Amino acid sequence: MTFEPAQVESFQELFNATKHLIRHFDGCERLELLRDVNETNVFFTYSWWQSEEHLNKYRFSPLFKEVWSKTKVKFCDKPQAWSLTSEVVA
């Protein structure tokens, strides 16, 4: 997610205020916020879900709709998202 530089602090406050709700959503096993070391207005959320069904329940939940509506207005570029599977277990 690429944010308007003036919106970075506001996004971080929003994330910190809601991360515990996302982490405790049914099926969420892990949630991290990562920041690009060079472009400090670029962030990634990294989350692990028990299944795609759990992720989709979150994506269509009132919680997601509320958080996303407050997040997307802070962007300066189109967001990207990927769903991945692990090919190697370490």
N, C-alpha and C. Protein backbone atom coordinates (compact mmCIF):
# COMPACT_ATOMS: atom_id res chain seq x y z
N MET A 1 0.85 -1.16 0.00
CA MET A 1 0.00 0.00 0.00
C MET A 1 0.90 1.23 0.00
N THR A 2 0.64 2.13 -0.93
CA THR A 2 1.42 3.36 -1.01
C THR A 2 0.54 4.51 -0.56
N PHE A 3 0.99 5.18 0.49
CA PHE A 3 0.20 6.24 1.10
C PHE A 3 0.72 7.61 0.73
N GLU A 4 -0.19 8.58 0.72
CA GLU A 4 0.24 9.96 0.67
C GLU A 4 1.16 10.17 1.87
N PRO A 5 2.32 10.77 1.67
CA PRO A 5 3.24 10.94 2.81
C PRO A 5 2.59 11.59 4.04
N ALA A 6 1.72 12.52 3.82
CA ALA A 6 1.05 13.21 4.94
C ALA A 6 0.07 12.30 5.68
N GLN A 7 -0.27 11.13 5.09
CA GLN A 7 -1.24 10.21 5.69
C GLN A 7 -0.60 9.03 6.42
N VAL A 8 0.71 8.93 6.37
CA VAL A 8 1.41 7.78 6.97
C VAL A 8 1.12 7.66 8.46
N GLU A 9 1.28 8.75 9.19
CA GLU A 9 1.06 8.70 10.63
C GLU A 9 -0.39 8.33 10.95
N SER A 10 -1.32 8.88 10.20
CA SER A 10 -2.74 8.57 10.40
C SER A 10 -3.02 7.09 10.13
N PHE A 11 -2.40 6.54 9.09
CA PHE A 11 -2.57 5.11 8.80
C PHE A 11 -2.00 4.27 9.94
N GLN A 12 -0.82 4.62 10.43
CA GLN A 12 -0.21 3.85 11.51
C GLN A 12 -1.10 3.88 12.76
N GLU A 13 -1.69 5.01 13.04
CA GLU A 13 -2.61 5.11 14.18
C GLU A 13 -3.83 4.22 13.98
N LEU A 14 -4.38 4.22 12.77
CA LEU A 14 -5.52 3.36 12.46
C LEU A 14 -5.14 1.89 12.60
N PHE A 15 -4.01 1.51 12.06
CA PHE A 15 -3.57 0.12 12.16
C PHE A 15 -3.40 -0.28 13.63
N ASN A 16 -2.74 0.56 14.40
CA ASN A 16 -2.52 0.24 15.81
C ASN A 16 -3.82 0.16 16.60
N ALA A 17 -4.81 0.93 16.20
CA ALA A 17 -6.10 0.91 16.89
C ALA A 17 -6.94 -0.31 16.54
N THR A 18 -6.66 -0.94 15.40
CA THR A 18 -7.51 -2.05 14.94
C THR A 18 -6.80 -3.39 14.84
N LYS A 19 -5.49 -3.42 14.99
CA LYS A 19 -4.74 -4.67 14.79
C LYS A 19 -5.20 -5.79 15.73
N HIS A 20 -5.54 -5.45 16.95
CA HIS A 20 -5.96 -6.50 17.88
C HIS A 20 -7.30 -7.11 17.45
N LEU A 21 -8.16 -6.32 16.81
CA LEU A 21 -9.43 -6.86 16.31
C LEU A 21 -9.21 -7.81 15.14
N ILE A 22 -8.29 -7.45 14.28
CA ILE A 22 -7.98 -8.31 13.12
C ILE A 22 -7.28 -9.58 13.59
N ARG A 23 -6.32 -9.43 14.49
CA ARG A 23 -5.58 -10.60 15.00
C ARG A 23 -6.49 -11.60 15.71
N HIS A 24 -7.57 -11.11 16.30
CA HIS A 24 -8.49 -12.00 17.01
C HIS A 24 -9.68 -12.40 16.17
N PHE A 25 -9.69 -12.03 14.88
CA PHE A 25 -10.77 -12.46 13.99
C PHE A 25 -10.61 -13.96 13.77
N ASP A 26 -11.73 -14.66 13.74
CA ASP A 26 -11.70 -16.12 13.60
C ASP A 26 -10.86 -16.54 12.39
N GLY A 27 -9.84 -17.33 12.64
CA GLY A 27 -9.01 -17.88 11.58
C GLY A 27 -7.72 -17.13 11.34
N CYS A 28 -7.55 -15.94 11.92
CA CYS A 28 -6.30 -15.19 11.74
C CYS A 28 -5.25 -15.77 12.68
N GLU A 29 -4.15 -16.22 12.11
CA GLU A 29 -3.08 -16.80 12.90
C GLU A 29 -1.92 -15.84 13.14
N ARG A 30 -1.79 -14.85 12.26
CA ARG A 30 -0.67 -13.90 12.38
C ARG A 30 -0.98 -12.66 11.56
N LEU A 31 -0.56 -11.52 12.06
CA LEU A 31 -0.72 -10.25 11.35
C LEU A 31 0.49 -9.39 11.64
N GLU A 32 1.12 -8.90 10.58
CA GLU A 32 2.27 -8.01 10.71
C GLU A 32 2.09 -6.81 9.79
N LEU A 33 2.69 -5.71 10.18
CA LEU A 33 2.77 -4.53 9.33
C LEU A 33 4.23 -4.34 8.98
N LEU A 34 4.52 -4.35 7.69
CA LEU A 34 5.89 -4.21 7.19
C LEU A 34 6.00 -2.88 6.44
N ARG A 35 7.18 -2.26 6.54
CA ARG A 35 7.42 -0.97 5.90
C ARG A 35 8.65 -1.05 5.02
N ASP A 36 8.55 -0.50 3.82
CA ASP A 36 9.69 -0.47 2.91
C ASP A 36 10.80 0.38 3.52
N VAL A 37 12.03 -0.09 3.43
CA VAL A 37 13.15 0.64 4.05
C VAL A 37 13.54 1.88 3.26
N ASN A 38 13.24 1.93 1.98
CA ASN A 38 13.61 3.08 1.15
C ASN A 38 12.45 4.03 0.89
N GLU A 39 11.29 3.47 0.62
CA GLU A 39 10.10 4.29 0.38
C GLU A 39 9.22 4.19 1.63
N THR A 40 9.42 5.10 2.54
CA THR A 40 8.82 4.97 3.87
C THR A 40 7.32 5.22 3.90
N ASN A 41 6.72 5.52 2.77
CA ASN A 41 5.26 5.63 2.70
C ASN A 41 4.63 4.38 2.08
N VAL A 42 5.43 3.31 1.91
CA VAL A 42 4.96 2.05 1.35
C VAL A 42 4.94 1.01 2.48
N PHE A 43 3.75 0.39 2.65
CA PHE A 43 3.54 -0.60 3.70
C PHE A 43 2.93 -1.86 3.11
N PHE A 44 3.13 -2.96 3.81
CA PHE A 44 2.52 -4.23 3.47
C PHE A 44 1.90 -4.79 4.75
N THR A 45 0.71 -5.31 4.66
CA THR A 45 0.20 -6.11 5.76
C THR A 45 0.42 -7.56 5.36
N TYR A 46 0.91 -8.33 6.30
CA TYR A 46 1.24 -9.73 6.07
C TYR A 46 0.44 -10.53 7.09
N SER A 47 -0.49 -11.32 6.59
CA SER A 47 -1.34 -12.08 7.51
C SER A 47 -1.42 -13.53 7.08
N TRP A 48 -1.53 -14.40 8.09
CA TRP A 48 -1.70 -15.84 7.88
C TRP A 48 -3.10 -16.20 8.34
N TRP A 49 -3.80 -16.96 7.50
CA TRP A 49 -5.17 -17.38 7.81
C TRP A 49 -5.24 -18.90 7.76
N GLN A 50 -6.09 -19.47 8.59
CA GLN A 50 -6.24 -20.93 8.64
C GLN A 50 -6.69 -21.48 7.29
N SER A 51 -7.49 -20.72 6.56
CA SER A 51 -7.96 -21.17 5.26
C SER A 51 -8.42 -19.97 4.45
N GLU A 52 -8.61 -20.19 3.17
CA GLU A 52 -9.15 -19.12 2.32
C GLU A 52 -10.56 -18.75 2.75
N GLU A 53 -11.30 -19.72 3.25
CA GLU A 53 -12.65 -19.45 3.76
C GLU A 53 -12.60 -18.46 4.93
N HIS A 54 -11.67 -18.65 5.84
CA HIS A 54 -11.51 -17.72 6.96
C HIS A 54 -11.16 -16.32 6.45
N LEU A 55 -10.23 -16.25 5.51
CA LEU A 55 -9.84 -14.96 4.94
C LEU A 55 -11.04 -14.29 4.29
N ASN A 56 -11.81 -15.04 3.53
CA ASN A 56 -12.98 -14.45 2.86
C ASN A 56 -14.04 -13.99 3.86
N LYS A 57 -14.19 -14.69 4.96
CA LYS A 57 -15.12 -14.23 6.00
C LYS A 57 -14.67 -12.88 6.54
N TYR A 58 -13.36 -12.71 6.70
CA TYR A 58 -12.84 -11.42 7.14
C TYR A 58 -13.05 -10.36 6.06
N ARG A 59 -12.73 -10.70 4.81
CA ARG A 59 -12.87 -9.73 3.70
C ARG A 59 -14.29 -9.20 3.55
N PHE A 60 -15.27 -9.99 3.90
CA PHE A 60 -16.67 -9.57 3.75
C PHE A 60 -17.31 -9.18 5.08
N SER A 61 -16.48 -8.98 6.10
CA SER A 61 -16.99 -8.64 7.43
C SER A 61 -17.17 -7.13 7.58
N PRO A 62 -18.02 -6.72 8.51
CA PRO A 62 -18.15 -5.29 8.83
C PRO A 62 -16.81 -4.69 9.30
N LEU A 63 -15.99 -5.48 10.01
CA LEU A 63 -14.69 -4.98 10.46
C LEU A 63 -13.82 -4.60 9.27
N PHE A 64 -13.70 -5.48 8.29
CA PHE A 64 -12.88 -5.17 7.12
C PHE A 64 -13.43 -3.95 6.40
N LYS A 65 -14.74 -3.90 6.19
CA LYS A 65 -15.33 -2.76 5.48
C LYS A 65 -15.04 -1.45 6.18
N GLU A 66 -15.11 -1.46 7.51
CA GLU A 66 -14.83 -0.23 8.26
C GLU A 66 -13.37 0.18 8.14
N VAL A 67 -12.47 -0.77 8.37
CA VAL A 67 -11.03 -0.46 8.32
C VAL A 67 -10.62 -0.07 6.91
N TRP A 68 -11.08 -0.80 5.91
CA TRP A 68 -10.70 -0.52 4.52
C TRP A 68 -11.20 0.85 4.07
N SER A 69 -12.41 1.20 4.45
CA SER A 69 -12.95 2.50 4.04
C SER A 69 -12.11 3.65 4.61
N LYS A 70 -11.54 3.46 5.78
CA LYS A 70 -10.70 4.49 6.40
C LYS A 70 -9.27 4.45 5.87
N THR A 71 -8.86 3.31 5.34
CA THR A 71 -7.50 3.15 4.83
C THR A 71 -7.37 3.64 3.40
N LYS A 72 -8.29 3.24 2.54
CA LYS A 72 -8.13 3.50 1.10
C LYS A 72 -8.12 4.98 0.74
N VAL A 73 -8.71 5.81 1.56
CA VAL A 73 -8.71 7.25 1.26
C VAL A 73 -7.33 7.87 1.49
N LYS A 74 -6.41 7.13 2.07
CA LYS A 74 -5.08 7.63 2.37
C LYS A 74 -4.06 7.26 1.29
N PHE A 75 -4.45 6.47 0.30
CA PHE A 75 -3.54 5.99 -0.74
C PHE A 75 -3.19 7.08 -1.75
N CYS A 76 -1.99 6.95 -2.33
CA CYS A 76 -1.63 7.79 -3.48
C CYS A 76 -1.36 6.92 -4.71
N ASP A 77 -1.57 5.59 -4.57
CA ASP A 77 -1.40 4.67 -5.68
C ASP A 77 -2.34 3.49 -5.44
N LYS A 78 -2.64 2.77 -6.51
CA LYS A 78 -3.53 1.63 -6.42
C LYS A 78 -2.92 0.53 -5.54
N PRO A 79 -3.67 0.02 -4.57
CA PRO A 79 -3.14 -1.04 -3.71
C PRO A 79 -3.07 -2.37 -4.46
N GLN A 80 -2.21 -3.23 -4.00
CA GLN A 80 -2.08 -4.58 -4.56
C GLN A 80 -2.22 -5.59 -3.43
N ALA A 81 -2.73 -6.77 -3.77
CA ALA A 81 -2.87 -7.84 -2.78
C ALA A 81 -2.62 -9.18 -3.45
N TRP A 82 -2.06 -10.09 -2.68
CA TRP A 82 -1.80 -11.44 -3.15
C TRP A 82 -2.24 -12.43 -2.10
N SER A 83 -2.74 -13.57 -2.54
CA SER A 83 -2.96 -14.70 -1.66
C SER A 83 -1.96 -15.76 -2.08
N LEU A 84 -1.21 -16.27 -1.12
CA LEU A 84 -0.10 -17.16 -1.41
C LEU A 84 -0.22 -18.47 -0.63
N THR A 85 0.45 -19.49 -1.12
CA THR A 85 0.59 -20.74 -0.39
C THR A 85 2.07 -20.99 -0.20
N SER A 86 2.41 -21.70 0.84
CA SER A 86 3.79 -22.05 1.11
C SER A 86 4.12 -23.33 0.37
N GLU A 87 5.20 -23.29 -0.37
CA GLU A 87 5.65 -24.46 -1.13
C GLU A 87 6.71 -25.25 -0.35
N VAL A 88 7.36 -24.61 0.59
CA VAL A 88 8.40 -25.25 1.37
C VAL A 88 8.12 -24.98 2.84
N VAL A 89 8.12 -26.02 3.63
CA VAL A 89 7.94 -25.85 5.07
C VAL A 89 9.32 -25.87 5.71
N ALA A 90 9.62 -24.82 6.44
CA ALA A 90 10.94 -24.73 7.09
C ALA A 90 10.87 -25.16 8.52
